[in-house]
Amino acid sequence: MKNQDSPHINFSFTGLTSIFLGSHFLIAAFIIKSIIDGAKLRGEGLNYNYSSLTETYIIIIVIVAFLLFPLSILFTEKRKAKKQGYTCLNPMTKRVLLRYTLTLTTLFVILFFIGKQALYNYIVPCFLIIYSVILFVFERKEHRNVLIISGVCILFSIICIIIPSYWYYSLFILGVSHLTYGISKQK
């Protein structure tokens, strides 16, 4: 019989969790890009009411994506724990998941204030830098490939600062890299 109170942290960005995170990135980036392109085609960029509506849609999509991140980690880790016969939510895992959720909330608040200051070109670079720090801090050191994704996030943030229109491609490549890493590490 396996240990029911596993003392280790049941929290990682590998396997199915990484696949979910990658799909969240891909879907959210695609929807946001479609909304922005649709607003540009309709000429709504000059009208304040439509631009605030577009901004509201984007904020809702970002909130949903940010809520899905910890939930996907929780559900996949619960599934993995059930298969292996131990409890998923031990006190250490609860603390780490709470810290991760608080960090994502702080990240969202920072990005919201950057958006309110109309510094739209710096939203994705700030997100990528803070997300790379999240990956570096919260991922166990035996999964070094996730740390490579963290380095790629820093590289993409620098590219997004230099070329602001590259935001969609950087989020798309980040989503694909999470998907690829998740598929390669899935057991």
Protein backbone atom coordinates (compact mmCIF):
# COMPACT_ATOMS: atom_id res chain seq x y z
CA MET A 1 0.00 0.00 0.00
CA LYS A 2 1.32 3.40 -0.90
CA ASN A 3 1.78 6.24 1.52
CA GLN A 4 -1.53 8.07 1.86
CA ASP A 5 0.04 11.29 3.15
CA SER A 6 2.72 11.94 0.59
CA PRO A 7 5.20 14.46 2.02
CA HIS A 8 6.30 15.72 -1.38
CA ILE A 9 4.77 18.50 -3.42
CA ASN A 10 2.31 17.18 -6.00
CA PHE A 11 2.67 20.13 -8.33
CA SER A 12 4.46 20.30 -11.66
CA PHE A 13 4.24 21.74 -15.14
CA THR A 14 4.86 18.40 -16.87
CA GLY A 15 2.67 15.98 -18.79
CA LEU A 16 -1.02 16.69 -19.06
CA THR A 17 -0.67 19.91 -17.05
CA SER A 18 1.73 21.32 -19.62
CA ILE A 19 -0.61 20.26 -22.43
CA PHE A 20 -3.48 22.13 -20.76
CA LEU A 21 -1.36 25.23 -20.14
CA GLY A 22 -0.19 25.22 -23.75
CA SER A 23 -3.73 24.89 -25.05
CA HIS A 24 -4.85 27.75 -22.77
CA PHE A 25 -2.08 29.95 -24.19
CA LEU A 26 -2.94 29.03 -27.78
CA ILE A 27 -6.69 29.52 -27.42
CA ALA A 28 -6.44 32.77 -25.43
CA ALA A 29 -3.86 34.27 -27.80
CA PHE A 30 -5.91 33.30 -30.85
CA ILE A 31 -9.15 34.73 -29.45
CA ILE A 32 -7.47 37.98 -28.35
CA LYS A 33 -5.77 38.35 -31.74
CA SER A 34 -9.12 37.71 -33.49
CA ILE A 35 -10.88 40.33 -31.35
CA ILE A 36 -8.18 42.92 -32.01
CA ASP A 37 -8.11 42.19 -35.75
CA GLY A 38 -11.92 42.35 -35.90
CA ALA A 39 -11.91 45.71 -34.14
CA LYS A 40 -9.29 47.02 -36.57
CA LEU A 41 -11.28 45.82 -39.59
CA ARG A 42 -14.44 47.48 -38.34
CA GLY A 43 -12.56 50.70 -37.60
CA GLU A 44 -13.53 50.64 -33.95
CA GLY A 45 -10.13 51.80 -32.78
CA LEU A 46 -11.17 55.44 -33.07
CA ASN A 47 -14.49 55.10 -31.24
CA TYR A 48 -14.11 55.08 -27.45
CA ASN A 49 -17.22 52.98 -26.74
CA TYR A 50 -16.15 50.18 -29.05
CA SER A 51 -12.52 50.23 -27.92
CA SER A 52 -13.58 49.96 -24.28
CA LEU A 53 -15.86 47.07 -25.24
CA THR A 54 -12.97 45.36 -27.03
CA GLU A 55 -10.79 45.94 -23.97
CA THR A 56 -13.51 44.44 -21.75
CA TYR A 57 -13.68 41.32 -23.92
CA ILE A 58 -9.92 40.92 -23.75
CA ILE A 59 -9.91 41.35 -19.96
CA ILE A 60 -12.62 38.68 -19.64
CA ILE A 61 -10.60 36.27 -21.78
CA VAL A 62 -7.46 36.92 -19.74
CA ILE A 63 -9.37 36.39 -16.47
CA VAL A 64 -10.77 33.09 -17.73
CA ALA A 65 -7.30 31.98 -18.87
CA PHE A 66 -5.78 32.95 -15.52
CA LEU A 67 -8.49 31.03 -13.67
CA LEU A 68 -7.96 27.97 -15.83
CA PHE A 69 -4.21 27.82 -15.10
CA PRO A 70 -4.40 26.74 -11.42
CA LEU A 71 -7.56 24.72 -12.02
CA SER A 72 -5.92 22.67 -14.75
CA ILE A 73 -2.92 22.04 -12.50
CA LEU A 74 -5.19 21.00 -9.63
CA PHE A 75 -7.32 18.63 -11.71
CA THR A 76 -4.42 16.94 -13.45
CA GLU A 77 -2.52 16.50 -10.20
CA LYS A 78 -5.65 15.07 -8.54
CA ARG A 79 -5.98 12.60 -11.38
CA LYS A 80 -2.32 11.63 -11.12
CA ALA A 81 -2.56 11.26 -7.33
CA LYS A 82 -5.65 9.07 -7.63
CA LYS A 83 -3.84 6.77 -10.06
CA GLN A 84 -0.79 6.50 -7.81
CA GLY A 85 -2.81 6.07 -4.62
CA TYR A 86 -1.89 9.07 -2.51
CA THR A 87 -3.66 12.24 -1.45
CA CYS A 88 -3.17 15.13 -3.79
CA LEU A 89 -3.80 18.04 -1.50
CA ASN A 90 -1.35 17.58 1.31
CA PRO A 91 -0.41 20.74 3.26
CA MET A 92 2.73 21.40 1.19
CA THR A 93 0.84 21.16 -2.09
CA LYS A 94 -1.93 23.43 -0.79
CA ARG A 95 0.65 26.06 0.17
CA VAL A 96 2.38 25.88 -3.21
CA LEU A 97 -0.91 26.00 -5.13
CA LEU A 98 -2.07 28.96 -3.03
CA ARG A 99 1.23 30.78 -3.66
CA TYR A 100 0.94 30.03 -7.37
CA THR A 101 -2.62 31.36 -7.48
CA LEU A 102 -1.63 34.50 -5.54
CA THR A 103 1.32 35.01 -7.87
CA LEU A 104 -0.96 34.72 -10.91
CA THR A 105 -3.39 37.17 -9.30
CA THR A 106 -0.55 39.61 -8.67
CA LEU A 107 0.56 39.16 -12.27
CA PHE A 108 -2.95 39.90 -13.49
CA VAL A 109 -3.17 43.05 -11.34
CA ILE A 110 0.20 44.27 -12.66
CA LEU A 111 -0.89 43.65 -16.24
CA PHE A 112 -4.22 45.37 -15.58
CA PHE A 113 -2.46 48.50 -14.29
CA ILE A 114 -0.08 48.49 -17.26
CA GLY A 115 -3.13 48.32 -19.53
CA LYS A 116 -4.85 51.16 -17.67
CA GLN A 117 -1.76 53.31 -18.23
CA ALA A 118 -2.18 52.62 -21.99
CA LEU A 119 1.22 50.93 -22.18
CA TYR A 120 -0.18 48.15 -24.32
CA ASN A 121 3.16 47.32 -25.93
CA TYR A 122 4.56 46.29 -22.53
CA ILE A 123 1.75 43.97 -21.40
CA VAL A 124 3.03 40.81 -23.08
CA PRO A 125 6.73 41.42 -22.28
CA CYS A 126 5.86 41.95 -18.60
CA PHE A 127 3.69 38.84 -18.66
CA LEU A 128 6.47 36.78 -20.21
CA ILE A 129 9.09 38.00 -17.73
CA ILE A 130 6.89 37.34 -14.70
CA TYR A 131 5.72 34.00 -16.13
CA SER A 132 9.34 32.93 -16.61
CA VAL A 133 10.01 33.80 -12.97
CA ILE A 134 6.94 31.76 -11.97
CA LEU A 135 8.22 28.78 -13.95
CA PHE A 136 11.68 29.14 -12.45
CA VAL A 137 10.45 29.44 -8.87
CA PHE A 138 7.63 26.90 -8.84
CA GLU A 139 9.02 24.11 -10.98
CA ARG A 140 11.11 21.43 -9.37
CA LYS A 141 14.72 21.51 -10.44
CA GLU A 142 14.70 17.94 -11.81
CA HIS A 143 12.55 19.14 -14.72
CA ARG A 144 15.20 21.27 -16.41
CA ASN A 145 13.36 21.44 -19.73
CA VAL A 146 10.71 23.64 -18.13
CA LEU A 147 13.52 25.96 -17.12
CA ILE A 148 14.43 26.15 -20.81
CA ILE A 149 10.86 27.35 -21.46
CA SER A 150 11.50 29.95 -18.76
CA GLY A 151 14.57 31.17 -20.63
CA VAL A 152 12.61 31.24 -23.89
CA CYS A 153 10.03 33.47 -22.16
CA ILE A 154 12.77 35.96 -21.26
CA LEU A 155 14.03 35.89 -24.86
CA PHE A 156 10.51 36.45 -26.21
CA SER A 157 9.96 39.35 -23.80
CA ILE A 158 13.07 41.07 -25.13
CA ILE A 159 11.90 40.47 -28.69
CA CYS A 160 8.43 41.84 -27.82
CA ILE A 161 9.99 45.00 -26.39
CA ILE A 162 12.00 45.49 -29.58
CA ILE A 163 9.19 44.40 -31.95
CA PRO A 164 5.81 45.09 -30.24
CA SER A 165 3.76 43.37 -32.95
CA TYR A 166 5.48 40.05 -32.15
CA TRP A 167 3.29 39.50 -29.05
CA TYR A 168 0.93 37.03 -30.73
CA TYR A 169 3.72 34.90 -32.15
CA SER A 170 5.56 34.78 -28.85
CA LEU A 171 2.44 33.60 -26.99
CA PHE A 172 1.70 31.15 -29.80
CA ILE A 173 5.23 29.70 -29.65
CA LEU A 174 5.02 29.55 -25.84
CA GLY A 175 1.78 27.58 -26.12
CA VAL A 176 3.28 25.22 -28.69
CA SER A 177 6.37 24.71 -26.53
CA HIS A 178 4.18 23.82 -23.54
CA LEU A 179 2.17 21.43 -25.70
CA THR A 180 5.31 19.80 -27.09
CA TYR A 181 6.89 19.49 -23.66
CA GLY A 182 3.69 18.04 -22.22
CA ILE A 183 3.37 15.46 -24.97
CA SER A 184 7.02 14.44 -24.67
CA LYS A 185 6.78 14.03 -20.87
CA GLN A 186 3.36 12.39 -20.70
CA LYS A 187 3.43 8.91 -19.24
